């Protein structure tokens, strides 16, 4: 069996096209803080990585909040979703993302404020 991949790959595209909808995938990890210097202003963010069926990769991006993670910012909502808690939870909790590696999630892709389809929320599947 060959170790080489046979697939069509889009070249010179900024992002993989994903249609709005719900997808199932396993959580594979969260990056340390990354720096995006491509835009006018430097942004610091974390990437939440998921892998779906047939090896399809999904990613959610959350900018570093000015304050601590909370349900009022995307980073806090993503951590709450990762842990299976409600996105509007105000309960104090500690979340270790590594404890959720391999767990299955439903990913929700929807148009963002710029009109692009992006991963807007995810919830743990029971």
N, C-alpha and C. Protein backbone atom coordinates (compact mmCIF):
# COMPACT_ATOMS: atom_id res chain seq x y z
N UNK A 1 0.84 -1.17 0.00
CA UNK A 1 0.00 0.00 0.00
C UNK A 1 0.89 1.24 0.00
N UNK A 2 0.54 2.22 -0.81
CA UNK A 2 1.31 3.44 -0.94
C UNK A 2 1.10 4.36 0.26
N UNK A 3 2.15 5.06 0.68
CA UNK A 3 2.04 6.04 1.75
C UNK A 3 1.73 7.42 1.20
N UNK A 4 1.63 7.53 -0.14
CA UNK A 4 1.39 8.82 -0.76
C UNK A 4 -0.10 9.12 -0.84
N UNK A 5 -0.42 10.39 -0.72
CA UNK A 5 -1.81 10.83 -0.73
C UNK A 5 -2.21 11.18 -2.16
N UNK A 6 -3.40 10.77 -2.53
CA UNK A 6 -3.95 11.12 -3.83
C UNK A 6 -5.22 11.93 -3.58
N UNK A 7 -5.11 13.25 -3.77
CA UNK A 7 -6.26 14.11 -3.56
C UNK A 7 -6.08 15.39 -4.37
N UNK A 8 -7.19 16.08 -4.65
CA UNK A 8 -7.11 17.37 -5.32
C UNK A 8 -6.85 18.42 -4.26
N UNK A 9 -5.90 19.31 -4.53
CA UNK A 9 -5.53 20.34 -3.58
C UNK A 9 -5.68 21.70 -4.27
N UNK A 10 -6.38 22.62 -3.60
CA UNK A 10 -6.55 23.96 -4.14
C UNK A 10 -5.31 24.78 -3.79
N UNK A 11 -4.71 25.38 -4.82
CA UNK A 11 -3.51 26.18 -4.64
C UNK A 11 -3.87 27.66 -4.72
N UNK A 12 -3.21 28.47 -3.93
CA UNK A 12 -3.40 29.92 -3.88
C UNK A 12 -4.74 30.33 -3.28
N UNK A 13 -5.30 29.50 -2.45
CA UNK A 13 -6.51 29.85 -1.73
C UNK A 13 -6.13 30.12 -0.29
N UNK A 14 -6.77 31.13 0.32
CA UNK A 14 -6.44 31.47 1.71
C UNK A 14 -6.98 30.45 2.70
N UNK A 15 -8.14 29.89 2.39
CA UNK A 15 -8.76 28.96 3.32
C UNK A 15 -9.45 27.83 2.57
N UNK A 16 -9.64 26.72 3.26
CA UNK A 16 -10.41 25.63 2.70
C UNK A 16 -11.89 26.02 2.79
N UNK A 17 -12.64 25.75 1.75
CA UNK A 17 -14.05 26.11 1.74
C UNK A 17 -14.85 25.08 2.52
N UNK A 18 -15.57 25.56 3.52
CA UNK A 18 -16.46 24.72 4.31
C UNK A 18 -17.82 25.38 4.30
N UNK A 19 -18.84 24.61 4.00
CA UNK A 19 -20.19 25.16 3.98
C UNK A 19 -20.73 25.27 5.40
N UNK A 20 -21.64 26.23 5.59
CA UNK A 20 -22.29 26.38 6.90
C UNK A 20 -23.03 25.10 7.23
N UNK A 21 -22.98 24.70 8.49
CA UNK A 21 -23.66 23.48 8.92
C UNK A 21 -22.99 22.88 10.13
N UNK A 22 -23.43 21.68 10.47
CA UNK A 22 -22.90 20.96 11.64
C UNK A 22 -22.04 19.79 11.17
N UNK A 23 -20.91 19.59 11.84
CA UNK A 23 -19.98 18.52 11.50
C UNK A 23 -19.55 17.82 12.78
N UNK A 24 -19.23 16.54 12.69
CA UNK A 24 -18.72 15.79 13.84
C UNK A 24 -17.22 15.59 13.68
N UNK A 25 -16.49 15.79 14.78
CA UNK A 25 -15.04 15.62 14.75
C UNK A 25 -14.51 15.40 16.15
N UNK A 26 -13.32 14.82 16.23
CA UNK A 26 -12.64 14.61 17.51
C UNK A 26 -11.66 15.74 17.75
N UNK A 27 -11.57 16.16 19.01
CA UNK A 27 -10.62 17.20 19.41
C UNK A 27 -9.22 16.60 19.41
N UNK A 28 -8.28 17.27 18.75
CA UNK A 28 -6.91 16.75 18.72
C UNK A 28 -5.92 17.65 19.46
N UNK A 29 -6.35 18.86 19.85
CA UNK A 29 -5.45 19.69 20.65
C UNK A 29 -5.66 21.17 20.46
N UNK A 30 -5.04 21.94 21.35
CA UNK A 30 -5.08 23.39 21.31
C UNK A 30 -3.64 23.88 21.29
N UNK A 31 -3.33 24.84 20.43
CA UNK A 31 -1.97 25.35 20.33
C UNK A 31 -1.66 26.28 21.49
N UNK A 32 -0.37 26.54 21.67
CA UNK A 32 0.05 27.60 22.57
C UNK A 32 -0.32 28.91 21.85
N UNK A 33 -0.06 30.05 22.44
CA UNK A 33 -0.39 31.32 21.80
C UNK A 33 0.42 31.48 20.52
N UNK A 34 -0.27 31.85 19.44
CA UNK A 34 0.35 32.08 18.14
C UNK A 34 0.24 33.56 17.82
N UNK A 35 1.12 34.06 16.96
CA UNK A 35 1.10 35.47 16.58
C UNK A 35 0.82 35.58 15.09
N UNK A 36 -0.18 36.37 14.73
CA UNK A 36 -0.50 36.65 13.33
C UNK A 36 0.01 38.04 13.01
N UNK A 37 1.01 38.10 12.18
CA UNK A 37 1.59 39.40 11.81
C UNK A 37 1.21 39.78 10.39
N UNK A 38 0.29 39.03 9.79
CA UNK A 38 -0.08 39.30 8.40
C UNK A 38 -1.03 40.48 8.25
N UNK A 39 -1.80 40.77 9.28
CA UNK A 39 -2.76 41.87 9.19
C UNK A 39 -2.12 43.19 9.60
N UNK A 40 -2.88 44.27 9.53
CA UNK A 40 -2.37 45.59 9.89
C UNK A 40 -1.89 45.64 11.33
N UNK A 41 -2.66 45.00 12.21
CA UNK A 41 -2.24 44.97 13.61
C UNK A 41 -1.96 43.53 14.01
N UNK A 42 -0.98 43.37 14.83
CA UNK A 42 -0.58 42.05 15.29
C UNK A 42 -1.67 41.46 16.20
N UNK A 43 -2.05 40.21 15.96
CA UNK A 43 -3.02 39.56 16.83
C UNK A 43 -2.40 38.30 17.43
N UNK A 44 -2.79 38.01 18.64
CA UNK A 44 -2.34 36.82 19.34
C UNK A 44 -3.56 35.93 19.52
N UNK A 45 -3.43 34.66 19.18
CA UNK A 45 -4.59 33.77 19.20
C UNK A 45 -4.17 32.34 19.51
N UNK A 46 -5.17 31.52 19.80
CA UNK A 46 -4.98 30.08 19.95
C UNK A 46 -5.85 29.37 18.92
N UNK A 47 -5.37 28.23 18.48
CA UNK A 47 -6.12 27.42 17.51
C UNK A 47 -6.55 26.13 18.19
N UNK A 48 -7.83 25.81 18.08
CA UNK A 48 -8.40 24.56 18.57
C UNK A 48 -8.52 23.65 17.36
N UNK A 49 -7.82 22.53 17.35
CA UNK A 49 -7.80 21.63 16.20
C UNK A 49 -8.68 20.40 16.40
N UNK A 50 -9.40 20.04 15.34
CA UNK A 50 -10.29 18.88 15.34
C UNK A 50 -10.02 18.07 14.08
N UNK A 51 -10.33 16.78 14.14
CA UNK A 51 -10.21 15.92 12.96
C UNK A 51 -11.50 15.15 12.78
N UNK A 52 -12.06 15.30 11.58
CA UNK A 52 -13.31 14.63 11.25
C UNK A 52 -13.06 13.34 10.51
N UNK A 53 -14.14 12.78 10.00
CA UNK A 53 -14.04 11.54 9.24
C UNK A 53 -13.19 11.77 8.00
N UNK A 54 -12.55 10.73 7.56
CA UNK A 54 -11.69 10.75 6.38
C UNK A 54 -10.52 11.73 6.54
N UNK A 55 -10.17 12.04 7.81
CA UNK A 55 -9.01 12.88 8.07
C UNK A 55 -9.20 14.36 7.82
N UNK A 56 -10.44 14.81 7.63
CA UNK A 56 -10.70 16.24 7.39
C UNK A 56 -10.34 17.03 8.65
N UNK A 57 -9.54 18.07 8.48
CA UNK A 57 -9.10 18.91 9.61
C UNK A 57 -10.01 20.13 9.72
N UNK A 58 -10.38 20.44 10.95
CA UNK A 58 -11.17 21.63 11.25
C UNK A 58 -10.40 22.43 12.30
N UNK A 59 -10.56 23.74 12.27
CA UNK A 59 -9.88 24.58 13.27
C UNK A 59 -10.77 25.74 13.68
N UNK A 60 -10.68 26.08 14.96
CA UNK A 60 -11.37 27.25 15.50
C UNK A 60 -10.29 28.18 16.03
N UNK A 61 -10.46 29.47 15.82
CA UNK A 61 -9.47 30.45 16.23
C UNK A 61 -10.08 31.40 17.25
N UNK A 62 -9.36 31.63 18.34
CA UNK A 62 -9.84 32.55 19.38
C UNK A 62 -8.71 33.50 19.75
N UNK A 63 -8.98 34.79 19.58
CA UNK A 63 -7.99 35.80 19.94
C UNK A 63 -7.80 35.82 21.45
N UNK A 64 -6.60 36.24 21.85
CA UNK A 64 -6.30 36.37 23.27
C UNK A 64 -7.14 37.52 23.83
N UNK A 65 -7.95 37.24 24.86
CA UNK A 65 -8.78 38.31 25.41
C UNK A 65 -7.96 39.32 26.21
N UNK A 66 -8.50 40.54 26.33
CA UNK A 66 -7.82 41.57 27.12
C UNK A 66 -7.79 41.19 28.58
N UNK A 67 -8.84 40.50 29.02
CA UNK A 67 -8.92 40.03 30.40
C UNK A 67 -8.85 38.51 30.38
N UNK A 68 -9.23 37.88 31.44
CA UNK A 68 -9.22 36.42 31.54
C UNK A 68 -10.30 35.82 30.63
N UNK A 69 -10.19 34.51 30.34
CA UNK A 69 -11.25 33.87 29.56
C UNK A 69 -12.59 33.95 30.32
N UNK A 70 -13.64 34.32 29.61
CA UNK A 70 -14.99 34.43 30.20
C UNK A 70 -16.01 34.03 29.15
N UNK A 71 -17.21 33.81 29.60
CA UNK A 71 -18.27 33.46 28.66
C UNK A 71 -18.57 34.63 27.72
N UNK A 72 -18.10 35.83 28.04
CA UNK A 72 -18.33 37.01 27.21
C UNK A 72 -17.32 37.14 26.06
N UNK A 73 -16.27 36.30 26.04
CA UNK A 73 -15.33 36.35 24.91
C UNK A 73 -15.21 34.97 24.26
N UNK A 74 -14.78 34.97 23.01
CA UNK A 74 -14.73 33.73 22.23
C UNK A 74 -13.82 32.69 22.87
N UNK A 75 -12.69 33.11 23.38
CA UNK A 75 -11.75 32.17 24.00
C UNK A 75 -12.42 31.45 25.17
N UNK A 76 -13.10 32.19 26.02
CA UNK A 76 -13.82 31.60 27.15
C UNK A 76 -14.94 30.67 26.69
N UNK A 77 -15.71 31.10 25.68
CA UNK A 77 -16.80 30.25 25.17
C UNK A 77 -16.26 28.96 24.56
N UNK A 78 -15.13 29.05 23.85
CA UNK A 78 -14.55 27.84 23.27
C UNK A 78 -14.07 26.89 24.37
N UNK A 79 -13.46 27.40 25.42
CA UNK A 79 -13.03 26.55 26.53
C UNK A 79 -14.23 25.90 27.21
N UNK A 80 -15.29 26.67 27.40
CA UNK A 80 -16.51 26.10 28.01
C UNK A 80 -17.10 25.02 27.10
N UNK A 81 -17.15 25.27 25.79
CA UNK A 81 -17.66 24.27 24.86
C UNK A 81 -16.81 23.02 24.87
N UNK A 82 -15.51 23.20 24.96
CA UNK A 82 -14.60 22.06 25.01
C UNK A 82 -14.88 21.18 26.21
N UNK A 83 -15.20 21.81 27.34
CA UNK A 83 -15.44 21.05 28.57
C UNK A 83 -16.87 20.53 28.70
N UNK A 84 -17.73 20.87 27.73
CA UNK A 84 -19.11 20.40 27.78
C UNK A 84 -20.03 21.29 28.60
N UNK A 85 -19.53 22.44 29.03
CA UNK A 85 -20.35 23.38 29.80
C UNK A 85 -21.10 24.32 28.85
N UNK A 86 -22.15 24.93 29.34
CA UNK A 86 -22.92 25.89 28.54
C UNK A 86 -22.05 27.11 28.24
N UNK A 87 -22.16 27.64 27.02
CA UNK A 87 -21.35 28.78 26.59
C UNK A 87 -21.64 30.04 27.38
N UNK A 88 -22.79 30.11 28.05
CA UNK A 88 -23.12 31.29 28.84
C UNK A 88 -22.91 31.06 30.34
N UNK A 89 -22.22 29.99 30.69
CA UNK A 89 -21.97 29.67 32.11
C UNK A 89 -21.12 30.75 32.75
N UNK A 90 -21.50 31.14 33.95
CA UNK A 90 -20.70 32.12 34.70
C UNK A 90 -20.03 31.47 35.91
N UNK A 91 -20.15 30.15 36.03
CA UNK A 91 -19.52 29.43 37.14
C UNK A 91 -18.00 29.44 36.98
N UNK A 92 -17.29 29.64 38.08
CA UNK A 92 -15.84 29.57 38.09
C UNK A 92 -15.43 28.12 37.87
N UNK A 93 -14.53 27.87 36.93
CA UNK A 93 -14.08 26.50 36.67
C UNK A 93 -12.66 26.53 36.11
N UNK A 94 -11.96 25.41 36.26
CA UNK A 94 -10.64 25.23 35.67
C UNK A 94 -10.78 24.20 34.58
N UNK A 95 -10.20 24.48 33.42
CA UNK A 95 -10.32 23.58 32.26
C UNK A 95 -8.93 23.26 31.74
N UNK A 96 -8.62 21.99 31.62
CA UNK A 96 -7.35 21.53 31.04
C UNK A 96 -7.69 20.93 29.67
N UNK A 97 -7.42 21.65 28.58
CA UNK A 97 -7.78 21.17 27.25
C UNK A 97 -7.25 19.77 26.92
N UNK A 98 -6.09 19.39 27.48
CA UNK A 98 -5.53 18.07 27.17
C UNK A 98 -6.42 16.93 27.66
N UNK A 99 -7.29 17.20 28.64
CA UNK A 99 -8.20 16.17 29.14
C UNK A 99 -9.30 15.80 28.13
N UNK A 100 -9.46 16.62 27.09
CA UNK A 100 -10.54 16.41 26.14
C UNK A 100 -10.07 15.90 24.78
N UNK A 101 -8.77 15.65 24.66
CA UNK A 101 -8.22 15.11 23.41
C UNK A 101 -8.86 13.76 23.15
N UNK A 102 -9.34 13.57 21.91
CA UNK A 102 -9.95 12.31 21.51
C UNK A 102 -11.46 12.28 21.71
N UNK A 103 -12.01 13.27 22.40
CA UNK A 103 -13.47 13.33 22.60
C UNK A 103 -14.13 13.86 21.34
N UNK A 104 -15.38 13.45 21.15
CA UNK A 104 -16.13 13.81 19.95
C UNK A 104 -16.98 15.06 20.19
N UNK A 105 -17.00 15.94 19.19
CA UNK A 105 -17.72 17.21 19.28
C UNK A 105 -18.57 17.43 18.04
N UNK A 106 -19.62 18.23 18.22
CA UNK A 106 -20.38 18.72 17.07
C UNK A 106 -19.89 20.14 16.84
N UNK A 107 -19.40 20.39 15.62
CA UNK A 107 -18.86 21.70 15.26
C UNK A 107 -19.92 22.45 14.47
N UNK A 108 -20.12 23.70 14.80
CA UNK A 108 -21.11 24.53 14.11
C UNK A 108 -20.39 25.60 13.30
N UNK A 109 -20.54 25.50 11.98
CA UNK A 109 -19.98 26.51 11.08
C UNK A 109 -21.11 27.43 10.64
N UNK A 110 -20.85 28.74 10.74
CA UNK A 110 -21.85 29.74 10.37
C UNK A 110 -21.13 30.98 9.84
N UNK A 111 -21.85 31.84 9.10
CA UNK A 111 -21.22 33.08 8.62
C UNK A 111 -20.83 33.97 9.80
N UNK A 112 -19.63 34.57 9.71
CA UNK A 112 -19.20 35.50 10.77
C UNK A 112 -19.56 36.93 10.36
N UNK A 113 -19.09 37.90 11.12
CA UNK A 113 -19.44 39.30 10.84
C UNK A 113 -18.87 39.80 9.51
N UNK A 114 -17.85 39.14 9.00
CA UNK A 114 -17.27 39.52 7.70
C UNK A 114 -17.93 38.78 6.55
N UNK A 115 -18.88 37.88 6.87
CA UNK A 115 -19.57 37.13 5.83
C UNK A 115 -18.89 35.83 5.45
N UNK A 116 -17.76 35.52 6.07
CA UNK A 116 -17.07 34.25 5.81
C UNK A 116 -17.63 33.16 6.71
N UNK A 117 -17.67 31.95 6.22
CA UNK A 117 -18.11 30.83 7.04
C UNK A 117 -16.94 30.41 7.94
N UNK A 118 -17.20 30.35 9.25
CA UNK A 118 -16.15 30.01 10.21
C UNK A 118 -16.75 29.15 11.32
N UNK A 119 -15.88 28.44 12.01
CA UNK A 119 -16.31 27.63 13.15
C UNK A 119 -16.69 28.58 14.27
N UNK A 120 -17.98 28.64 14.58
CA UNK A 120 -18.47 29.62 15.55
C UNK A 120 -18.71 29.01 16.93
N UNK A 121 -18.94 27.70 17.00
CA UNK A 121 -19.18 27.05 18.29
C UNK A 121 -18.98 25.56 18.14
N UNK A 122 -18.75 24.92 19.27
CA UNK A 122 -18.69 23.44 19.29
C UNK A 122 -19.17 22.96 20.63
N UNK A 123 -19.73 21.78 20.62
CA UNK A 123 -20.25 21.20 21.86
C UNK A 123 -19.89 19.73 21.93
N UNK A 124 -19.60 19.26 23.13
CA UNK A 124 -19.23 17.87 23.33
C UNK A 124 -20.42 16.97 23.06
N UNK A 125 -20.18 15.90 22.35
CA UNK A 125 -21.24 14.92 22.09
C UNK A 125 -21.19 13.88 23.19
N UNK A 126 -22.33 13.50 23.68
CA UNK A 126 -22.41 12.54 24.79
C UNK A 126 -22.67 11.15 24.26
